[in-house]
Amino acid sequence: MAIPLPDPSAPAAAVINHLLAQEAWARAALVPHAGKIACIDAGATALHLRVGADGLLVADAGVAAVTIRLKLADLPLILQNRERAFSYVKVEGDAEFANAISAVAQGLRWEAEHDLEPWLGPLLATRVVAGARGAVETAKQTQQKLAENLAEYFLEEQPLLVRPAAVDGYGGEIARLRDDVERMDKRIAALERKLAAS
């Protein structure tokens, strides 16, 4: 017997509302769509969020005006490149509402300094966030260098991988050899005919 998963709509609305509360422009973009429900369907789970009169979101499992379908496997790509997020999803329903959601999703940013400032003060909050961003960037660079070093090792020192140019060159050499063999075969056949005729 499958255990039903809790509805993630309310916690998702709380997180998004925290960001919306800091951005008046984002709430203003959603206000014209007050009362409309958006469904974000990821297959295994779905969020149902209704836009309130103030531009904030409320969990509501009513009939969706727009449904945004996405694959969980595409979620890292969506988070990495939010400008192209809507190219990874399928949108059904109210196009204007979907465009408003897209604009808000692209422009909405979490300002960690703002949330840390009451506890750490403005200077320390800025330094903590800058340090965290630096650590993330260092981790990305380390990951990229590791991938490059592994690729070089498996291409040059312990050849388990082959460069595409080498594969193309090898394919070209095989094609030339095949053509040469066919020409040689035709010459041999012609010589055999001459010998048989004489």
Protein backbone atom coordinates (compact mmCIF):
# COMPACT_ATOMS: atom_id res chain seq x y z
CA MET A 1 0.00 0.00 0.00
CA ALA A 2 1.48 3.34 -1.11
CA ILE A 3 1.76 6.08 1.48
CA PRO A 4 0.39 9.36 0.11
CA LEU A 5 2.94 12.15 -0.01
CA PRO A 6 2.08 15.43 1.73
CA ASP A 7 1.03 18.29 -0.55
CA PRO A 8 4.10 20.51 -1.09
CA SER A 9 2.02 23.48 -2.30
CA ALA A 10 1.77 25.27 1.08
CA PRO A 11 5.52 25.14 1.89
CA ALA A 12 6.35 26.15 -1.70
CA ALA A 13 3.94 29.09 -1.46
CA ALA A 14 5.61 30.19 1.80
CA VAL A 15 9.09 30.13 0.23
CA ILE A 16 7.97 31.95 -2.93
CA ASN A 17 5.99 34.48 -0.88
CA HIS A 18 9.12 35.23 1.16
CA LEU A 19 10.84 36.22 -2.09
CA LEU A 20 7.78 38.05 -3.46
CA ALA A 21 7.49 40.08 -0.24
CA GLN A 22 10.89 41.64 -1.03
CA GLU A 23 10.00 42.49 -4.66
CA ALA A 24 7.09 44.88 -5.26
CA TRP A 25 7.49 44.66 -9.06
CA ALA A 26 6.97 40.86 -8.95
CA ARG A 27 3.79 41.15 -6.88
CA ALA A 28 2.55 43.89 -9.24
CA ALA A 29 3.14 41.57 -12.22
CA LEU A 30 0.96 38.89 -10.60
CA VAL A 31 -1.87 41.12 -9.29
CA PRO A 32 -3.69 41.27 -12.69
CA HIS A 33 -4.00 37.48 -12.44
CA ALA A 34 -5.48 37.45 -8.93
CA GLY A 35 -7.73 34.44 -8.38
CA LYS A 36 -6.06 32.36 -11.09
CA ILE A 37 -4.45 29.04 -10.18
CA ALA A 38 -1.18 27.78 -11.62
CA CYS A 39 -0.30 24.09 -11.53
CA ILE A 40 3.38 23.16 -11.72
CA ASP A 41 3.33 19.46 -12.56
CA ALA A 42 6.58 17.53 -12.14
CA GLY A 43 4.99 14.11 -12.66
CA ALA A 44 5.62 12.68 -9.20
CA THR A 45 4.34 15.80 -7.48
CA ALA A 46 2.40 18.92 -8.40
CA LEU A 47 2.12 22.40 -6.91
CA HIS A 48 -1.23 24.20 -7.07
CA LEU A 49 -0.84 27.89 -6.32
CA ARG A 50 -3.49 30.64 -6.54
CA VAL A 51 -2.52 34.29 -6.92
CA GLY A 52 -4.02 36.43 -4.17
CA ALA A 53 -5.28 40.01 -4.55
CA ASP A 54 -1.96 41.24 -3.08
CA GLY A 55 0.15 39.27 -5.58
CA LEU A 56 1.19 36.64 -3.03
CA LEU A 57 0.48 32.93 -3.48
CA VAL A 58 -1.86 30.56 -1.65
CA ALA A 59 -2.05 26.77 -1.92
CA ASP A 60 -5.27 25.93 -3.77
CA ALA A 61 -6.11 22.62 -5.48
CA GLY A 62 -8.83 24.18 -7.68
CA VAL A 63 -8.96 24.16 -11.47
CA ALA A 64 -5.72 25.52 -12.93
CA ALA A 65 -5.76 28.39 -15.44
CA VAL A 66 -2.28 27.36 -16.54
CA THR A 67 -0.40 24.07 -16.17
CA ILE A 68 3.38 24.01 -16.41
CA ARG A 69 4.71 20.50 -16.96
CA LEU A 70 8.36 19.76 -16.33
CA LYS A 71 10.58 16.72 -15.95
CA LEU A 72 12.47 16.36 -12.67
CA ALA A 73 15.56 15.46 -14.70
CA ASP A 74 15.44 18.96 -16.27
CA LEU A 75 15.25 20.74 -12.90
CA PRO A 76 19.05 21.27 -12.59
CA LEU A 77 19.11 22.80 -16.09
CA ILE A 78 16.18 25.06 -15.20
CA LEU A 79 17.84 26.23 -11.97
CA GLN A 80 21.18 26.75 -13.70
CA ASN A 81 19.78 28.86 -16.55
CA ARG A 82 16.56 30.53 -15.43
CA GLU A 83 16.47 32.76 -18.54
CA ARG A 84 15.81 29.63 -20.62
CA ALA A 85 13.71 27.83 -18.00
CA PHE A 86 10.52 27.90 -20.05
CA SER A 87 12.27 26.16 -22.96
CA TYR A 88 12.46 23.03 -20.77
CA VAL A 89 8.76 22.96 -19.86
CA LYS A 90 5.41 22.43 -21.58
CA VAL A 91 2.82 25.11 -20.91
CA GLU A 92 -0.94 24.58 -21.28
CA GLY A 93 -3.64 27.18 -20.68
CA ASP A 94 -3.66 30.95 -20.16
CA ALA A 95 -0.71 32.34 -22.15
CA GLU A 96 -0.72 35.79 -20.47
CA PHE A 97 -0.67 34.19 -17.02
CA ALA A 98 2.17 31.88 -18.12
CA ASN A 99 4.14 34.90 -19.44
CA ALA A 100 3.69 36.71 -16.11
CA ILE A 101 4.92 33.63 -14.23
CA SER A 102 7.90 33.38 -16.59
CA ALA A 103 8.84 37.04 -16.08
CA VAL A 104 8.59 36.73 -12.30
CA ALA A 105 10.56 33.46 -12.28
CA GLN A 106 13.37 34.98 -14.35
CA GLY A 107 13.67 38.15 -12.28
CA LEU A 108 13.02 36.93 -8.76
CA ARG A 109 16.24 36.59 -6.75
CA TRP A 110 16.92 35.50 -3.21
CA GLU A 111 18.88 38.18 -1.40
CA ALA A 112 20.54 36.17 1.35
CA GLU A 113 22.13 39.30 2.82
CA HIS A 114 18.65 40.70 3.49
CA ASP A 115 17.65 37.58 5.45
CA LEU A 116 20.92 37.36 7.43
CA GLU A 117 21.16 41.06 8.23
CA PRO A 118 18.86 41.04 11.33
CA TRP A 119 21.02 38.38 13.00
CA LEU A 120 24.51 39.21 11.76
CA GLY A 121 24.38 42.88 10.89
CA PRO A 122 24.85 44.33 7.41
CA LEU A 123 28.65 44.03 7.18
CA LEU A 124 28.95 40.46 8.43
CA ALA A 125 25.91 39.33 6.39
CA THR A 126 27.55 40.71 3.22
CA ARG A 127 30.85 39.00 4.04
CA VAL A 128 29.19 35.64 4.85
CA VAL A 129 27.25 35.67 1.56
CA ALA A 130 30.34 36.74 -0.41
CA GLY A 131 32.32 33.92 1.24
CA ALA A 132 29.59 31.40 0.41
CA ARG A 133 29.47 32.58 -3.21
CA GLY A 134 33.26 32.33 -3.40
CA ALA A 135 33.16 28.79 -2.02
CA VAL A 136 30.52 27.78 -4.57
CA GLU A 137 32.54 29.31 -7.41
CA THR A 138 35.70 27.56 -6.18
CA ALA A 139 33.82 24.26 -6.06
CA LYS A 140 32.61 24.77 -9.64
CA GLN A 141 36.12 25.60 -10.85
CA THR A 142 37.55 22.59 -9.02
CA GLN A 143 34.93 20.33 -10.55
CA GLN A 144 35.67 21.69 -14.04
CA LYS A 145 39.44 21.28 -13.60
CA LEU A 146 38.97 17.74 -12.30
CA ALA A 147 36.83 16.86 -15.32
CA GLU A 148 39.42 18.39 -17.69
CA ASN A 149 42.28 16.54 -15.97
CA LEU A 150 40.43 13.23 -16.11
CA ALA A 151 39.62 13.75 -19.77
CA GLU A 152 43.27 14.56 -20.52
CA TYR A 153 44.44 11.50 -18.57
CA PHE A 154 42.07 9.16 -20.41
CA LEU A 155 42.90 10.75 -23.79
CA GLU A 156 46.68 11.11 -23.51
CA GLU A 157 48.22 9.05 -20.71
CA GLN A 158 45.86 6.08 -20.41
CA PRO A 159 44.04 6.15 -23.76
CA LEU A 160 40.56 4.86 -22.99
CA LEU A 161 38.91 7.74 -24.85
CA VAL A 162 39.46 8.91 -28.41
CA ARG A 163 39.24 12.46 -29.67
CA PRO A 164 36.49 13.04 -32.29
CA ALA A 165 39.08 14.33 -34.79
CA ALA A 166 41.04 11.08 -34.45
CA VAL A 167 37.86 9.04 -35.05
CA ASP A 168 37.04 11.15 -38.12
CA GLY A 169 40.60 10.77 -39.46
CA TYR A 170 40.52 7.02 -38.90
CA GLY A 171 37.14 6.79 -40.66
CA GLY A 172 38.55 8.76 -43.62
CA GLU A 173 41.57 6.46 -43.86
CA ILE A 174 39.32 3.40 -43.85
CA ALA A 175 37.16 4.89 -46.62
CA ARG A 176 40.29 5.63 -48.73
CA LEU A 177 41.60 2.09 -48.14
CA ARG A 178 38.22 0.63 -49.16
CA ASP A 179 38.25 2.70 -52.36
CA ASP A 180 41.84 1.64 -53.12
CA VAL A 181 40.94 -2.03 -52.61
CA GLU A 182 37.93 -1.69 -54.94
CA ARG A 183 40.09 -0.04 -57.65
CA MET A 184 42.74 -2.75 -57.25
CA ASP A 185 40.05 -5.44 -57.50
CA LYS A 186 38.77 -3.88 -60.76
CA ARG A 187 42.32 -3.75 -62.20
CA ILE A 188 42.91 -7.40 -61.29
CA ALA A 189 39.60 -8.37 -62.90
CA ALA A 190 40.55 -6.44 -66.06
CA LEU A 191 43.97 -8.13 -66.19
CA GLU A 192 42.36 -11.55 -65.74
CA ARG A 193 40.02 -10.82 -68.67
CA LYS A 194 42.98 -9.77 -70.87
CA LEU A 195 44.92 -12.95 -69.93
CA ALA A 196 41.88 -15.14 -70.59
CA ALA A 197 41.33 -13.47 -73.98
CA SER A 198 44.95 -14.02 -75.07
